[in-house]
N, C-alpha and C. Protein backbone atom coordinates (compact mmCIF):
# COMPACT_ATOMS: atom_id res chain seq x y z
N UNK A 1 0.80 -1.28 -0.31
CA UNK A 1 0.10 0.23 0.00
C UNK A 1 0.76 1.25 0.06
N UNK A 2 0.63 2.09 -0.89
CA UNK A 2 1.31 3.26 -0.93
C UNK A 2 1.07 4.17 -0.26
N UNK A 3 1.57 5.37 0.28
CA UNK A 3 2.01 6.13 1.29
C UNK A 3 0.21 7.07 1.20
N UNK A 4 -0.23 7.15 0.45
CA UNK A 4 -1.20 7.99 -0.41
C UNK A 4 -2.51 7.43 -0.23
N UNK A 5 -2.62 6.09 -0.36
CA UNK A 5 -3.54 4.90 -0.11
C UNK A 5 -3.33 5.11 1.65
N UNK A 6 -2.83 4.75 2.49
CA UNK A 6 -2.30 4.77 3.56
C UNK A 6 -3.68 6.35 4.04
N UNK A 7 -3.03 7.33 3.40
CA UNK A 7 -3.76 8.66 3.71
C UNK A 7 -4.70 8.50 3.59
N UNK A 8 -5.57 8.00 2.40
CA UNK A 8 -6.73 7.96 2.57
C UNK A 8 -7.67 7.46 3.34
N UNK A 9 -6.96 5.85 3.47
CA UNK A 9 -7.63 5.26 4.81
C UNK A 9 -7.88 6.02 5.90
N UNK A 10 -7.35 6.41 6.31
CA UNK A 10 -6.91 7.67 7.68
C UNK A 10 -7.47 8.54 7.42
N UNK A 11 -7.93 9.41 6.48
CA UNK A 11 -9.30 10.10 5.93
C UNK A 11 -10.57 9.97 5.95
N UNK A 12 -10.23 8.33 5.76
CA UNK A 12 -12.31 7.74 6.11
C UNK A 12 -12.09 7.43 7.35
N UNK A 13 -11.58 6.59 7.70
CA UNK A 13 -11.75 6.29 9.27
C UNK A 13 -11.54 7.40 10.09
N UNK A 14 -10.60 8.75 9.81
CA UNK A 14 -11.60 10.56 10.63
C UNK A 14 -12.43 10.79 10.18
N UNK A 15 -13.08 10.82 9.12
CA UNK A 15 -13.98 10.99 8.78
C UNK A 15 -15.34 10.68 9.07
N UNK A 16 -15.47 8.95 9.21
CA UNK A 16 -16.68 8.38 9.20
C UNK A 16 -16.61 7.79 10.81
N UNK A 17 -15.67 7.65 10.94
CA UNK A 17 -15.61 7.45 12.56
C UNK A 17 -14.71 8.28 13.90
N UNK A 18 -14.26 8.70 13.62
CA UNK A 18 -13.57 9.28 14.65
C UNK A 18 -14.44 10.94 14.81
N UNK A 19 -15.10 11.86 13.73
CA UNK A 19 -15.38 12.99 14.01
C UNK A 19 -17.09 12.61 14.56
N UNK A 20 -17.66 11.77 13.99
CA UNK A 20 -18.61 11.19 14.36
C UNK A 20 -19.22 11.23 16.21
N UNK A 21 -18.02 10.02 16.38
CA UNK A 21 -17.93 10.25 17.77
C UNK A 21 -18.53 11.19 18.73
N UNK A 22 -16.88 11.87 18.35
CA UNK A 22 -16.82 13.16 18.94
C UNK A 22 -17.73 14.06 18.84
N UNK A 23 -18.23 13.88 17.56
CA UNK A 23 -19.36 15.29 17.81
C UNK A 23 -20.72 14.56 18.94
N UNK A 24 -20.95 13.58 18.72
CA UNK A 24 -21.72 12.57 19.27
C UNK A 24 -21.68 12.56 21.25
N UNK A 25 -20.34 12.69 21.38
CA UNK A 25 -19.69 13.14 22.76
C UNK A 25 -20.01 14.12 22.82
N UNK A 26 -19.75 15.56 22.47
CA UNK A 26 -19.88 16.29 22.97
C UNK A 26 -21.41 16.77 22.85
N UNK A 27 -22.40 16.22 21.89
CA UNK A 27 -23.88 16.45 22.47
C UNK A 27 -23.87 15.92 23.69
N UNK A 28 -23.72 14.71 24.17
CA UNK A 28 -24.39 14.16 24.92
C UNK A 28 -23.69 14.61 26.47
N UNK A 29 -22.27 15.38 26.29
CA UNK A 29 -21.71 16.58 27.44
C UNK A 29 -22.14 17.79 27.61
N UNK A 30 -23.04 17.85 26.48
CA UNK A 30 -23.94 19.26 26.41
C UNK A 30 -25.38 18.93 26.54
N UNK A 31 -25.78 18.28 27.08
CA UNK A 31 -27.24 17.93 27.28
C UNK A 31 -27.22 17.03 28.66
N UNK A 32 -26.06 16.59 29.22
CA UNK A 32 -26.52 15.85 30.62
C UNK A 32 -25.42 16.64 31.09
N UNK A 33 -24.35 16.73 31.02
CA UNK A 33 -23.57 17.70 31.66
C UNK A 33 -22.43 16.57 32.26
N UNK A 34 -22.21 16.40 33.50
CA UNK A 34 -21.24 15.65 34.46
C UNK A 34 -22.10 13.90 33.76
N UNK A 35 -22.99 13.62 33.88
CA UNK A 35 -23.65 12.58 33.84
C UNK A 35 -23.10 11.83 32.18
N UNK A 36 -22.42 12.78 31.66
CA UNK A 36 -21.66 11.93 30.42
C UNK A 36 -20.14 11.59 30.86
N UNK A 37 -19.59 11.49 32.36
CA UNK A 37 -18.06 11.04 32.02
C UNK A 37 -18.10 9.39 31.84
N UNK A 38 -19.28 9.10 32.62
CA UNK A 38 -19.54 7.79 32.18
C UNK A 38 -19.33 7.50 30.78
N UNK A 39 -20.30 8.04 29.75
CA UNK A 39 -19.94 7.61 29.00
C UNK A 39 -18.58 8.31 27.68
N UNK A 40 -18.33 9.52 28.23
CA UNK A 40 -16.48 8.99 27.23
C UNK A 40 -15.89 8.30 28.13
N UNK A 41 -15.94 7.42 29.55
CA UNK A 41 -15.13 6.48 29.63
C UNK A 41 -15.08 5.79 29.24
N UNK A 42 -16.45 5.36 28.70
CA UNK A 42 -16.56 3.87 28.04
C UNK A 42 -16.60 4.31 26.53
N UNK A 43 -16.17 5.30 25.80
CA UNK A 43 -15.76 5.05 24.67
C UNK A 43 -14.35 4.73 24.69
N UNK A 44 -13.56 5.74 25.66
CA UNK A 44 -12.17 5.16 26.03
C UNK A 44 -11.78 4.45 25.51
N UNK A 45 -12.35 3.40 26.83
CA UNK A 45 -11.94 2.02 26.90
C UNK A 45 -11.85 1.25 25.37
N UNK A 46 -13.41 1.86 24.68
CA UNK A 46 -13.50 1.02 23.44
C UNK A 46 -12.63 1.03 22.30
N UNK A 47 -12.38 2.37 22.64
CA UNK A 47 -10.70 3.02 21.59
C UNK A 47 -9.72 2.33 22.26
N UNK A 48 -9.53 1.97 23.67
CA UNK A 48 -8.12 1.18 23.88
C UNK A 48 -8.29 -0.27 23.50
N UNK A 49 -8.97 -0.48 23.71
CA UNK A 49 -9.75 -2.36 22.90
C UNK A 49 -9.55 -2.31 21.99
N UNK A 50 -9.91 -1.13 20.92
CA UNK A 50 -9.78 -2.06 19.43
C UNK A 50 -8.17 -1.43 18.72
N UNK A 51 -7.67 -0.29 19.47
CA UNK A 51 -5.96 0.01 19.41
C UNK A 51 -5.38 -0.95 19.76
N UNK A 52 -5.78 -1.99 20.79
CA UNK A 52 -5.37 -3.36 21.37
C UNK A 52 -5.14 -4.51 20.66
N UNK A 53 -6.23 -3.99 19.40
CA UNK A 53 -5.88 -5.57 18.74
C UNK A 53 -5.38 -5.28 17.22
N UNK A 54 -5.57 -6.04 16.47
CA UNK A 54 -4.88 -5.98 15.41
C UNK A 54 -5.42 -5.13 14.43
N UNK A 55 -6.32 -4.46 14.24
CA UNK A 55 -6.53 -3.18 13.82
C UNK A 55 -5.44 -2.13 14.36
N UNK A 56 -4.89 -1.77 15.49
CA UNK A 56 -4.20 -1.18 15.74
C UNK A 56 -2.84 -1.64 15.98
N UNK A 57 -2.73 -2.78 15.68
CA UNK A 57 -1.07 -3.71 16.08
C UNK A 57 -1.24 -2.90 14.18
N UNK A 58 -1.74 -3.04 13.19
CA UNK A 58 -2.24 -3.11 11.52
C UNK A 58 -1.30 -1.15 11.37
N UNK A 59 -2.30 -0.41 12.36
CA UNK A 59 -2.23 0.81 12.09
C UNK A 59 -0.30 1.50 12.65
N UNK A 60 -0.41 0.94 13.66
CA UNK A 60 1.27 1.25 14.41
C UNK A 60 1.79 0.65 13.72
N UNK A 61 2.73 -0.35 12.85
CA UNK A 61 3.04 -0.77 11.57
C UNK A 61 3.03 0.20 10.56
N UNK A 62 1.66 0.32 10.62
CA UNK A 62 2.58 1.40 9.30
C UNK A 62 2.37 2.91 9.46
N UNK A 63 2.60 3.12 10.42
CA UNK A 63 3.19 4.30 11.71
C UNK A 63 4.93 4.36 11.06
N UNK A 64 4.97 3.62 11.72
CA UNK A 64 6.51 2.56 11.34
C UNK A 64 6.96 2.77 10.09
N UNK A 65 6.42 2.36 9.66
CA UNK A 65 6.91 2.09 8.07
C UNK A 65 7.77 0.91 7.85
N UNK A 66 6.91 -0.16 8.93
CA UNK A 66 7.08 -1.89 8.29
C UNK A 66 6.21 -2.04 7.17
N UNK A 67 7.06 -3.00 5.83
CA UNK A 67 6.23 -3.45 5.34
C UNK A 67 5.44 -4.41 5.96
N UNK A 68 4.99 -5.10 6.96
CA UNK A 68 4.26 -6.15 7.59
C UNK A 68 4.35 -7.37 6.98
N UNK A 69 3.74 -7.30 5.66
CA UNK A 69 3.74 -8.99 5.70
C UNK A 69 4.69 -9.50 3.90
N UNK A 70 6.12 -8.83 4.09
CA UNK A 70 6.63 -9.41 3.28
C UNK A 70 7.06 -10.61 2.53
N UNK A 71 6.98 -11.47 3.66
CA UNK A 71 6.85 -13.48 3.24
C UNK A 71 5.96 -13.34 2.71
N UNK A 72 4.14 -12.74 3.14
CA UNK A 72 3.43 -13.76 2.70
C UNK A 72 2.95 -12.97 0.81
N UNK A 73 3.70 -11.50 0.81
CA UNK A 73 3.72 -11.01 -0.44
C UNK A 73 4.43 -11.64 -1.54
N UNK A 74 5.52 -12.54 -0.51
CA UNK A 74 6.46 -13.21 -1.67
C UNK A 74 6.41 -14.55 -1.98
N UNK A 75 5.07 -15.12 -1.17
CA UNK A 75 4.20 -16.25 -0.93
C UNK A 75 3.64 -16.28 -2.76
N UNK A 76 2.94 -15.35 -1.87
CA UNK A 76 1.87 -14.99 -3.00
C UNK A 76 2.56 -14.67 -4.54
N UNK A 77 4.11 -13.96 -4.63
CA UNK A 77 4.07 -14.05 -5.61
C UNK A 77 4.07 -15.08 -6.49
N UNK A 78 4.94 -16.49 -5.63
CA UNK A 78 5.53 -17.25 -6.13
C UNK A 78 4.00 -17.82 -6.54
N UNK A 79 3.13 -18.71 -5.58
CA UNK A 79 1.90 -18.98 -5.85
C UNK A 79 1.76 -18.15 -7.87
N UNK A 80 1.52 -17.11 -7.55
CA UNK A 80 1.22 -16.64 -8.37
C UNK A 80 1.91 -16.80 -10.44
N UNK A 81 3.19 -17.04 -9.63
CA UNK A 81 4.04 -17.43 -11.06
C UNK A 81 3.38 -18.50 -11.56
N UNK A 82 3.46 -19.80 -10.19
CA UNK A 82 2.87 -20.84 -10.37
C UNK A 82 1.53 -21.19 -11.18
N UNK A 83 0.52 -20.41 -10.67
CA UNK A 83 -0.82 -20.58 -11.76
C UNK A 83 -0.58 -20.01 -13.19
N UNK A 84 0.60 -18.68 -13.13
CA UNK A 84 1.01 -18.39 -14.60
C UNK A 84 1.27 -19.62 -15.51
N UNK A 85 2.15 -20.12 -15.03
CA UNK A 85 2.85 -21.30 -15.58
C UNK A 85 1.37 -22.31 -16.14
N UNK A 86 1.35 -23.01 -15.48
CA UNK A 86 -0.03 -23.92 -15.21
C UNK A 86 -1.21 -23.01 -16.38
N UNK A 87 -1.64 -21.81 -16.83
CA UNK A 87 -2.70 -21.79 -16.94
C UNK A 87 -2.33 -21.42 -18.49
N UNK A 88 -0.48 -21.41 -18.98
CA UNK A 88 -0.11 -21.38 -20.04
C UNK A 88 -0.30 -22.63 -20.58
N UNK A 89 0.74 -23.64 -20.16
CA UNK A 89 0.55 -24.92 -20.03
C UNK A 89 -1.02 -25.17 -20.43
N UNK A 90 -1.88 -24.93 -19.93
CA UNK A 90 -3.38 -25.09 -20.30
C UNK A 90 -3.99 -25.21 -21.24
N UNK A 91 -3.59 -23.53 -21.97
CA UNK A 91 -3.16 -23.17 -22.89
C UNK A 91 -3.10 -24.34 -24.53
N UNK A 92 -1.81 -24.65 -23.94
CA UNK A 92 -1.01 -25.35 -25.41
C UNK A 92 -1.72 -26.15 -25.05
N UNK A 93 -2.64 -27.55 -24.33
CA UNK A 93 -3.38 -28.49 -24.54
C UNK A 93 -4.56 -27.95 -25.09
N UNK A 94 -5.40 -27.17 -24.72
CA UNK A 94 -6.66 -26.77 -25.70
C UNK A 94 -5.89 -26.42 -26.69
N UNK A 95 -5.41 -25.54 -27.20
CA UNK A 95 -4.84 -25.64 -28.67
C UNK A 95 -4.41 -26.81 -29.80
N UNK A 96 -3.57 -27.82 -28.90
CA UNK A 96 -3.50 -29.20 -29.11
C UNK A 96 -4.70 -29.84 -29.71
N UNK A 97 -5.39 -29.26 -28.43
CA UNK A 97 -7.39 -30.46 -28.73
C UNK A 97 -8.10 -29.83 -29.78
N UNK A 98 -8.06 -28.74 -29.89
CA UNK A 98 -8.71 -27.72 -30.61
C UNK A 98 -8.15 -28.07 -32.48
N UNK A 99 -6.85 -28.32 -32.26
CA UNK A 99 -6.16 -28.79 -33.39
C UNK A 99 -6.96 -30.37 -34.45
N UNK A 100 -6.66 -31.19 -33.36
CA UNK A 100 -6.69 -32.63 -33.19
C UNK A 100 -8.35 -32.90 -33.60
N UNK A 101 -9.49 -31.76 -33.23
CA UNK A 101 -10.51 -31.90 -33.42
C UNK A 101 -10.74 -30.97 -34.99
N UNK A 102 -10.31 -30.39 -35.25
CA UNK A 102 -10.03 -29.28 -36.68
C UNK A 102 -9.71 -30.96 -37.87
N UNK A 103 -8.44 -31.81 -37.20
CA UNK A 103 -7.96 -32.70 -38.05
C UNK A 103 -9.24 -34.14 -38.32
N UNK A 104 -9.83 -34.18 -37.54
CA UNK A 104 -10.87 -35.16 -37.33
C UNK A 104 -11.88 -34.90 -38.20
N UNK A 105 -12.83 -33.39 -38.56
CA UNK A 105 -14.04 -32.73 -38.73
C UNK A 105 -13.71 -32.74 -40.62
N UNK A 106 -12.42 -31.75 -40.76
CA UNK A 106 -12.30 -31.83 -42.26
C UNK A 106 -12.66 -33.00 -43.28
N UNK A 107 -11.86 -33.65 -42.86
CA UNK A 107 -11.67 -35.21 -43.89
C UNK A 107 -13.58 -35.96 -44.09
N UNK A 108 -13.81 -35.41 -42.91
CA UNK A 108 -15.50 -36.12 -43.08
C UNK A 108 -16.31 -34.99 -43.78
N UNK A 109 -16.19 -33.20 -43.67
CA UNK A 109 -16.67 -32.47 -44.79
C UNK A 109 -16.42 -32.54 -46.21
N UNK A 110 -15.30 -32.92 -46.48
CA UNK A 110 -15.14 -33.26 -47.59
C UNK A 110 -15.17 -34.59 -48.40
N UNK A 111 -15.59 -35.52 -47.77
CA UNK A 111 -16.09 -36.71 -48.92
C UNK A 111 -17.27 -36.40 -48.48
N UNK A 112 -18.14 -36.22 -48.31
CA UNK A 112 -19.57 -36.15 -48.41
C UNK A 112 -19.98 -35.28 -49.48
N UNK A 113 -19.63 -34.01 -49.73
CA UNK A 113 -20.36 -33.71 -51.00
C UNK A 113 -19.44 -34.86 -52.23
């Protein structure tokens, strides 16, 4: 993922998650006053749990600039190359089969008329 792609991901997270949650908490604070403190604590706890999980680890590795899954990427490329070779082999087999079928049909068509 390029840096520009990652910036887009952060923008989407900020736009659709962080900003609405912050606005809802501000609205609750203005209406409830001090009673909104448990809401803030629950929200902060939920955010902490999310950031301690896989999503937080992925964001942290992006911030550190780590590639993340270079081994998986290499394995994926190797498997892709293997599949490409198999597709080429299958194309050759189909071409051969088509040529055999064409050779069998041509004499029959010539003899009939």
